[in-house]
Structure formats: structure tokens, C-alpha cells
Amino acid sequence: MLPPKYTKSVTVTAHDTAITVSARYGSSKVEEETVVEVVLGHGESHTFEEKSEDMGSWQAVRKILSVKGKIDGEEFEKVCEEDCEGVHGNIHYTVHKEGKFAVKNKN
């Protein structure tokens, strides 16, 4: 069995333009996935914090599945697992007006 690959939180910095960014959190039930959306101005940052799910007698981390950006009606998405080598506490992306997310830092 392969080890898990996910991040618990994501920080996004609007590198060179204003942008609407959303993060999609996974769940044990697909219908309970959560999307959190924020608007960032040029140079602003936001951290999508760790969320947990009540599993009765224990808490499960809700991994962040992807981040999506929207600039002038154009949407683009980055699957976070592609940038993971195990479990990360945080991945910091910069987002660019060309419609791409670039990894700035992982921990």
C-alpha cells in the first residue's frame, strides 16, 4: 500500500494580479466535500486552514484536494496531491495572471 499524499493547509499568494481563489476539502463522503472561496488583491495572501471531520470517537483530517483560481472569468485548477511527497502541514503557492499555480514552499 502506498503512503498517503496530501496537504492539511494551503497558502496562496496573488503574485501579479487580483484573483478569486477557492480550495476544495475532501471528506469521507463525496457529497460532504467543502469549497471555501476568497478574493485576493495583488500581493495579498490567504491560508486555507486545516479542517477536521468528526468520525465518532476520533477526528480525521480533511485533506485539501485542489485549489482553483478565477481571473476575468477564466478558471484554472491545481490538484494538490501532484505536489505532495507524503503528508504536508502546508503548501504555499503563488498564483500568476497566466493562469497557473507555482509551488513556493512545502512543509
C-alpha atoms as a PDB file:
ATOM      1  CA  MET A   1       0.000   0.000   0.000  1.00  0.00           C
ATOM      2  CA  LEU A   2       1.328   3.425  -0.945  1.00  0.00           C
ATOM      3  CA  PRO A   3       1.752   6.066   1.773  1.00  0.00           C
ATOM      4  CA  PRO A   4      -0.772   8.920   1.812  1.00  0.00           C
ATOM      5  CA  LYS A   5      -0.068  12.078  -0.202  1.00  0.00           C
ATOM      6  CA  TYR A   6      -1.939  15.228   0.826  1.00  0.00           C
ATOM      7  CA  THR A   7      -1.681  18.640   2.460  1.00  0.00           C
ATOM      8  CA  LYS A   8      -3.562  19.813   5.546  1.00  0.00           C
ATOM      9  CA  SER A   9      -3.483  23.525   4.655  1.00  0.00           C
ATOM     10  CA  VAL A  10      -2.678  25.683   1.632  1.00  0.00           C
ATOM     11  CA  THR A  11      -1.425  29.267   1.431  1.00  0.00           C
ATOM     12  CA  VAL A  12      -1.982  31.180  -1.807  1.00  0.00           C
ATOM     13  CA  THR A  13      -0.323  34.488  -2.728  1.00  0.00           C
ATOM     14  CA  ALA A  14      -1.645  36.561  -5.643  1.00  0.00           C
ATOM     15  CA  HIS A  15       1.700  37.241  -7.316  1.00  0.00           C
ATOM     16  CA  ASP A  16       0.886  39.701 -10.093  1.00  0.00           C
ATOM     17  CA  THR A  17      -2.896  40.174 -10.278  1.00  0.00           C
ATOM     18  CA  ALA A  18      -6.107  40.165  -8.243  1.00  0.00           C
ATOM     19  CA  ILE A  19      -7.800  36.762  -8.199  1.00  0.00           C
ATOM     20  CA  THR A  20     -10.646  34.713  -6.750  1.00  0.00           C
ATOM     21  CA  VAL A  21      -9.245  31.516  -5.207  1.00  0.00           C
ATOM     22  CA  SER A  22     -11.090  28.520  -3.811  1.00  0.00           C
ATOM     23  CA  ALA A  23      -9.938  25.373  -2.013  1.00  0.00           C
ATOM     24  CA  ARG A  24     -11.808  22.064  -2.158  1.00  0.00           C
ATOM     25  CA  TYR A  25     -11.628  19.973   1.034  1.00  0.00           C
ATOM     26  CA  GLY A  26     -12.160  16.220   0.841  1.00  0.00           C
ATOM     27  CA  SER A  27     -14.418  14.199   3.109  1.00  0.00           C
ATOM     28  CA  SER A  28     -15.136  10.553   3.835  1.00  0.00           C
ATOM     29  CA  LYS A  29     -18.382  11.158   1.904  1.00  0.00           C
ATOM     30  CA  VAL A  30     -18.040  12.793  -1.531  1.00  0.00           C
ATOM     31  CA  GLU A  31     -21.308  14.703  -1.081  1.00  0.00           C
ATOM     32  CA  GLU A  32     -19.844  16.400   2.010  1.00  0.00           C
ATOM     33  CA  GLU A  33     -16.841  17.950   0.245  1.00  0.00           C
ATOM     34  CA  THR A  34     -16.458  21.633   1.152  1.00  0.00           C
ATOM     35  CA  VAL A  35     -15.368  24.572  -1.001  1.00  0.00           C
ATOM     36  CA  VAL A  36     -14.025  27.776   0.590  1.00  0.00           C
ATOM     37  CA  GLU A  37     -13.611  30.847  -1.638  1.00  0.00           C
ATOM     38  CA  VAL A  38     -11.733  34.134  -1.076  1.00  0.00           C
ATOM     39  CA  VAL A  39     -10.880  37.190  -3.176  1.00  0.00           C
ATOM     40  CA  LEU A  40      -7.245  38.331  -3.104  1.00  0.00           C
ATOM     41  CA  GLY A  41      -5.822  41.627  -4.293  1.00  0.00           C
ATOM     42  CA  HIS A  42      -2.439  41.910  -5.994  1.00  0.00           C
ATOM     43  CA  GLY A  43       0.228  40.786  -3.500  1.00  0.00           C
ATOM     44  CA  GLU A  44      -2.239  39.517  -0.879  1.00  0.00           C
ATOM     45  CA  SER A  45      -2.072  36.057   0.692  1.00  0.00           C
ATOM     46  CA  HIS A  46      -4.593  33.735   2.306  1.00  0.00           C
ATOM     47  CA  THR A  47      -4.174  30.455   4.177  1.00  0.00           C
ATOM     48  CA  PHE A  48      -6.877  27.828   3.822  1.00  0.00           C
ATOM     49  CA  GLU A  49      -6.652  26.341   7.315  1.00  0.00           C
ATOM     50  CA  GLU A  50      -6.708  22.697   8.342  1.00  0.00           C
ATOM     51  CA  LYS A  51     -10.187  21.247   8.820  1.00  0.00           C
ATOM     52  CA  SER A  52     -11.191  18.026  10.547  1.00  0.00           C
ATOM     53  CA  GLU A  53     -14.151  15.679  10.319  1.00  0.00           C
ATOM     54  CA  ASP A  54     -15.850  14.051  13.304  1.00  0.00           C
ATOM     55  CA  MET A  55     -15.660  10.285  12.889  1.00  0.00           C
ATOM     56  CA  GLY A  56     -17.349   9.486  16.214  1.00  0.00           C
ATOM     57  CA  SER A  57     -14.591   8.570  18.633  1.00  0.00           C
ATOM     58  CA  TRP A  58     -11.812  10.205  16.551  1.00  0.00           C
ATOM     59  CA  GLN A  59     -11.114  13.146  14.226  1.00  0.00           C
ATOM     60  CA  ALA A  60      -9.991  12.773  10.600  1.00  0.00           C
ATOM     61  CA  VAL A  61      -8.061  15.487   8.760  1.00  0.00           C
ATOM     62  CA  ARG A  62      -9.926  16.790   5.708  1.00  0.00           C
ATOM     63  CA  LYS A  63      -7.215  16.970   3.088  1.00  0.00           C
ATOM     64  CA  ILE A  64      -7.227  19.788   0.567  1.00  0.00           C
ATOM     65  CA  LEU A  65      -7.855  18.165  -2.796  1.00  0.00           C
ATOM     66  CA  SER A  66      -7.343  21.151  -5.091  1.00  0.00           C
ATOM     67  CA  VAL A  67      -7.141  24.906  -5.408  1.00  0.00           C
ATOM     68  CA  LYS A  68      -8.916  26.777  -8.175  1.00  0.00           C
ATOM     69  CA  GLY A  69      -8.260  30.257  -9.488  1.00  0.00           C
ATOM     70  CA  LYS A  70     -10.508  32.587 -11.436  1.00  0.00           C
ATOM     71  CA  ILE A  71      -9.232  35.671 -13.294  1.00  0.00           C
ATOM     72  CA  ASP A  72     -11.599  37.658 -15.533  1.00  0.00           C
ATOM     73  CA  GLY A  73     -13.999  34.695 -15.810  1.00  0.00           C
ATOM     74  CA  GLU A  74     -11.258  32.206 -16.785  1.00  0.00           C
ATOM     75  CA  GLU A  75     -10.887  29.289 -14.349  1.00  0.00           C
ATOM     76  CA  PHE A  76      -7.892  27.020 -13.767  1.00  0.00           C
ATOM     77  CA  GLU A  77      -7.238  24.343 -11.159  1.00  0.00           C
ATOM     78  CA  LYS A  78      -4.279  22.695  -9.431  1.00  0.00           C
ATOM     79  CA  VAL A  79      -4.590  19.243  -7.849  1.00  0.00           C
ATOM     80  CA  CYS A  80      -2.572  19.486  -4.629  1.00  0.00           C
ATOM     81  CA  GLU A  81      -1.653  15.779  -4.480  1.00  0.00           C
ATOM     82  CA  GLU A  82       0.564  16.304  -7.556  1.00  0.00           C
ATOM     83  CA  ASP A  83       2.891  18.421  -5.378  1.00  0.00           C
ATOM     84  CA  CYS A  84       2.913  16.148  -2.313  1.00  0.00           C
ATOM     85  CA  GLU A  85       5.583  13.672  -1.225  1.00  0.00           C
ATOM     86  CA  GLY A  86       3.750  12.343   1.822  1.00  0.00           C
ATOM     87  CA  VAL A  87       1.703  14.396   4.282  1.00  0.00           C
ATOM     88  CA  HIS A  88       2.417  18.144   4.381  1.00  0.00           C
ATOM     89  CA  GLY A  89       1.320  20.635   7.004  1.00  0.00           C
ATOM     90  CA  ASN A  90       1.201  23.390   4.379  1.00  0.00           C
ATOM     91  CA  ILE A  91       1.924  24.023   0.717  1.00  0.00           C
ATOM     92  CA  HIS A  92       2.421  27.656  -0.302  1.00  0.00           C
ATOM     93  CA  TYR A  93       1.517  28.504  -3.900  1.00  0.00           C
ATOM     94  CA  THR A  94       1.959  31.716  -5.823  1.00  0.00           C
ATOM     95  CA  VAL A  95      -0.731  32.250  -8.432  1.00  0.00           C
ATOM     96  CA  HIS A  96       0.045  34.075 -11.663  1.00  0.00           C
ATOM     97  CA  LYS A  97      -2.007  36.005 -14.225  1.00  0.00           C
ATOM     98  CA  GLU A  98      -1.069  33.433 -16.880  1.00  0.00           C
ATOM     99  CA  GLY A  99      -3.423  31.051 -15.061  1.00  0.00           C
ATOM    100  CA  LYS A 100      -1.001  28.861 -13.168  1.00  0.00           C
ATOM    101  CA  PHE A 101      -0.132  27.934  -9.601  1.00  0.00           C
ATOM    102  CA  ALA A 102       3.579  27.613  -8.726  1.00  0.00           C
ATOM    103  CA  VAL A 103       4.896  25.955  -5.559  1.00  0.00           C
ATOM    104  CA  LYS A 104       6.740  28.474  -3.403  1.00  0.00           C
ATOM    105  CA  ASN A 105       7.277  26.330  -0.299  1.00  0.00           C
ATOM    106  CA  LYS A 106       6.290  22.976   1.251  1.00  0.00           C
ATOM    107  CA  ASN A 107       6.481  21.846   4.867  1.00  0.00           C
END
